């Protein structure tokens, strides 16, 4: 049986989702082509990450 690129991608996506990382298709992201980070995602992550420290 041949292991295809599509099967590899699917396996990696499943592993990452099992670890809590959501899968989003590239064309579904809201960013400019020259931007590496998605600012809204970074802001949401930082707010969640440091929310406990702010409430201390």
N, C-alpha and C. Protein backbone atom coordinates (compact mmCIF):
# COMPACT_ATOMS: atom_id res chain seq x y z
N UNK A 1 0.83 -1.18 0.00
CA UNK A 1 0.00 0.00 0.00
C UNK A 1 0.88 1.25 0.00
N UNK A 2 0.55 2.21 -0.83
CA UNK A 2 1.33 3.43 -0.97
C UNK A 2 0.81 4.49 0.01
N UNK A 3 1.73 5.18 0.69
CA UNK A 3 1.39 6.25 1.62
C UNK A 3 1.49 7.56 0.85
N UNK A 4 0.38 8.25 0.65
CA UNK A 4 0.36 9.45 -0.17
C UNK A 4 0.57 10.71 0.66
N UNK A 5 0.83 11.80 -0.05
CA UNK A 5 0.98 13.10 0.60
C UNK A 5 -0.31 13.47 1.34
N UNK A 6 -1.45 13.23 0.73
CA UNK A 6 -2.74 13.54 1.35
C UNK A 6 -2.93 12.76 2.65
N UNK A 7 -2.51 11.49 2.66
CA UNK A 7 -2.62 10.68 3.88
C UNK A 7 -1.68 11.20 4.96
N UNK A 8 -0.49 11.62 4.58
CA UNK A 8 0.46 12.18 5.53
C UNK A 8 -0.10 13.46 6.15
N UNK A 9 -0.61 14.36 5.30
CA UNK A 9 -1.20 15.60 5.79
C UNK A 9 -2.34 15.32 6.74
N UNK A 10 -3.19 14.40 6.39
CA UNK A 10 -4.33 14.04 7.23
C UNK A 10 -3.88 13.49 8.58
N UNK A 11 -2.87 12.64 8.57
CA UNK A 11 -2.35 12.07 9.81
C UNK A 11 -1.76 13.15 10.71
N UNK A 12 -1.03 14.09 10.14
CA UNK A 12 -0.43 15.18 10.93
C UNK A 12 -1.51 16.08 11.50
N UNK A 13 -2.52 16.40 10.69
CA UNK A 13 -3.63 17.23 11.16
C UNK A 13 -4.34 16.55 12.33
N UNK A 14 -4.59 15.27 12.22
CA UNK A 14 -5.24 14.53 13.30
C UNK A 14 -4.40 14.56 14.58
N UNK A 15 -3.10 14.37 14.45
CA UNK A 15 -2.22 14.40 15.63
C UNK A 15 -2.23 15.78 16.30
N UNK A 16 -2.16 16.82 15.49
CA UNK A 16 -2.16 18.18 16.04
C UNK A 16 -3.50 18.51 16.69
N UNK A 17 -4.60 18.10 16.06
CA UNK A 17 -5.92 18.34 16.64
C UNK A 17 -6.08 17.60 17.97
N UNK A 18 -5.51 16.42 18.06
CA UNK A 18 -5.56 15.66 19.31
C UNK A 18 -4.82 16.38 20.44
N UNK A 19 -3.86 17.23 20.07
CA UNK A 19 -3.11 18.01 21.05
C UNK A 19 -3.75 19.37 21.31
N UNK A 20 -4.88 19.65 20.65
CA UNK A 20 -5.59 20.90 20.89
C UNK A 20 -5.33 22.00 19.89
N UNK A 21 -4.60 21.70 18.83
CA UNK A 21 -4.34 22.71 17.80
C UNK A 21 -5.40 22.60 16.71
N UNK A 22 -6.16 23.68 16.50
CA UNK A 22 -7.19 23.62 15.46
C UNK A 22 -6.58 23.68 14.07
N UNK A 23 -7.24 23.07 13.11
CA UNK A 23 -6.79 23.11 11.72
C UNK A 23 -7.63 24.11 10.96
N UNK A 24 -6.97 25.06 10.30
CA UNK A 24 -7.65 26.06 9.49
C UNK A 24 -6.96 26.10 8.15
N UNK A 25 -7.74 26.04 7.09
CA UNK A 25 -7.16 26.13 5.75
C UNK A 25 -6.56 27.52 5.54
N UNK A 26 -5.48 27.57 4.80
CA UNK A 26 -4.78 28.83 4.58
C UNK A 26 -5.63 29.93 4.00
N UNK A 27 -6.50 29.58 3.06
CA UNK A 27 -7.32 30.63 2.44
C UNK A 27 -8.42 31.12 3.37
N UNK A 28 -8.61 30.47 4.52
CA UNK A 28 -9.63 30.89 5.48
C UNK A 28 -9.07 31.86 6.53
N UNK A 29 -7.77 32.10 6.52
CA UNK A 29 -7.16 32.99 7.50
C UNK A 29 -7.27 34.43 7.04
N UNK A 30 -7.43 35.33 8.01
CA UNK A 30 -7.53 36.76 7.70
C UNK A 30 -6.20 37.43 8.00
N UNK A 31 -5.39 37.58 6.98
CA UNK A 31 -4.10 38.25 7.13
C UNK A 31 -3.62 38.71 5.77
N UNK A 32 -2.69 39.62 5.78
CA UNK A 32 -2.06 40.07 4.55
C UNK A 32 -0.99 39.05 4.17
N UNK A 33 -0.75 38.84 2.87
CA UNK A 33 0.24 37.84 2.46
C UNK A 33 1.63 38.04 3.06
N UNK A 34 2.03 39.27 3.33
CA UNK A 34 3.37 39.52 3.87
C UNK A 34 3.43 39.33 5.39
N UNK A 35 2.28 39.19 6.06
CA UNK A 35 2.26 38.98 7.50
C UNK A 35 2.50 37.52 7.84
N UNK A 36 3.38 37.30 8.82
CA UNK A 36 3.66 35.94 9.25
C UNK A 36 2.68 35.52 10.35
N UNK A 37 2.43 36.41 11.29
CA UNK A 37 1.54 36.12 12.40
C UNK A 37 0.13 36.62 12.11
N UNK A 38 -0.83 35.97 12.67
CA UNK A 38 -2.21 36.44 12.59
C UNK A 38 -2.46 37.18 13.90
N UNK A 39 -2.56 38.50 13.83
CA UNK A 39 -2.60 39.33 15.03
C UNK A 39 -3.76 38.97 15.96
N UNK A 40 -4.92 38.70 15.40
CA UNK A 40 -6.07 38.36 16.25
C UNK A 40 -5.80 37.07 17.04
N UNK A 41 -5.18 36.09 16.40
CA UNK A 41 -4.85 34.85 17.09
C UNK A 41 -3.82 35.09 18.19
N UNK A 42 -2.82 35.91 17.90
CA UNK A 42 -1.79 36.22 18.90
C UNK A 42 -2.40 36.95 20.09
N UNK A 43 -3.26 37.93 19.84
CA UNK A 43 -3.91 38.67 20.92
C UNK A 43 -4.76 37.73 21.78
N UNK A 44 -5.54 36.87 21.14
CA UNK A 44 -6.39 35.94 21.88
C UNK A 44 -5.55 35.00 22.72
N UNK A 45 -4.46 34.48 22.16
CA UNK A 45 -3.57 33.59 22.92
C UNK A 45 -2.97 34.30 24.12
N UNK A 46 -2.45 35.50 23.91
CA UNK A 46 -1.82 36.23 25.01
C UNK A 46 -2.83 36.59 26.10
N UNK A 47 -4.04 36.98 25.71
CA UNK A 47 -5.07 37.31 26.69
C UNK A 47 -5.42 36.08 27.52
N UNK A 48 -5.55 34.94 26.88
CA UNK A 48 -5.87 33.71 27.60
C UNK A 48 -4.70 33.27 28.47
N UNK A 49 -3.50 33.36 27.93
CA UNK A 49 -2.30 32.90 28.62
C UNK A 49 -2.04 33.68 29.91
N UNK A 50 -2.29 34.99 29.85
CA UNK A 50 -1.93 35.84 30.98
C UNK A 50 -3.13 36.36 31.75
N UNK A 51 -4.32 35.85 31.47
CA UNK A 51 -5.53 36.28 32.18
C UNK A 51 -5.43 36.02 33.67
N UNK A 52 -4.88 34.90 34.06
CA UNK A 52 -4.77 34.54 35.48
C UNK A 52 -3.85 35.51 36.21
N UNK A 53 -2.80 35.96 35.56
CA UNK A 53 -1.86 36.89 36.20
C UNK A 53 -2.49 38.26 36.40
N UNK A 54 -3.35 38.68 35.48
CA UNK A 54 -3.99 39.97 35.57
C UNK A 54 -4.99 39.98 36.72
N UNK A 55 -5.64 38.86 36.97
CA UNK A 55 -6.66 38.77 38.00
C UNK A 55 -6.10 38.52 39.39
N UNK A 56 -4.78 38.50 39.54
CA UNK A 56 -4.16 38.22 40.84
C UNK A 56 -4.22 39.43 41.72
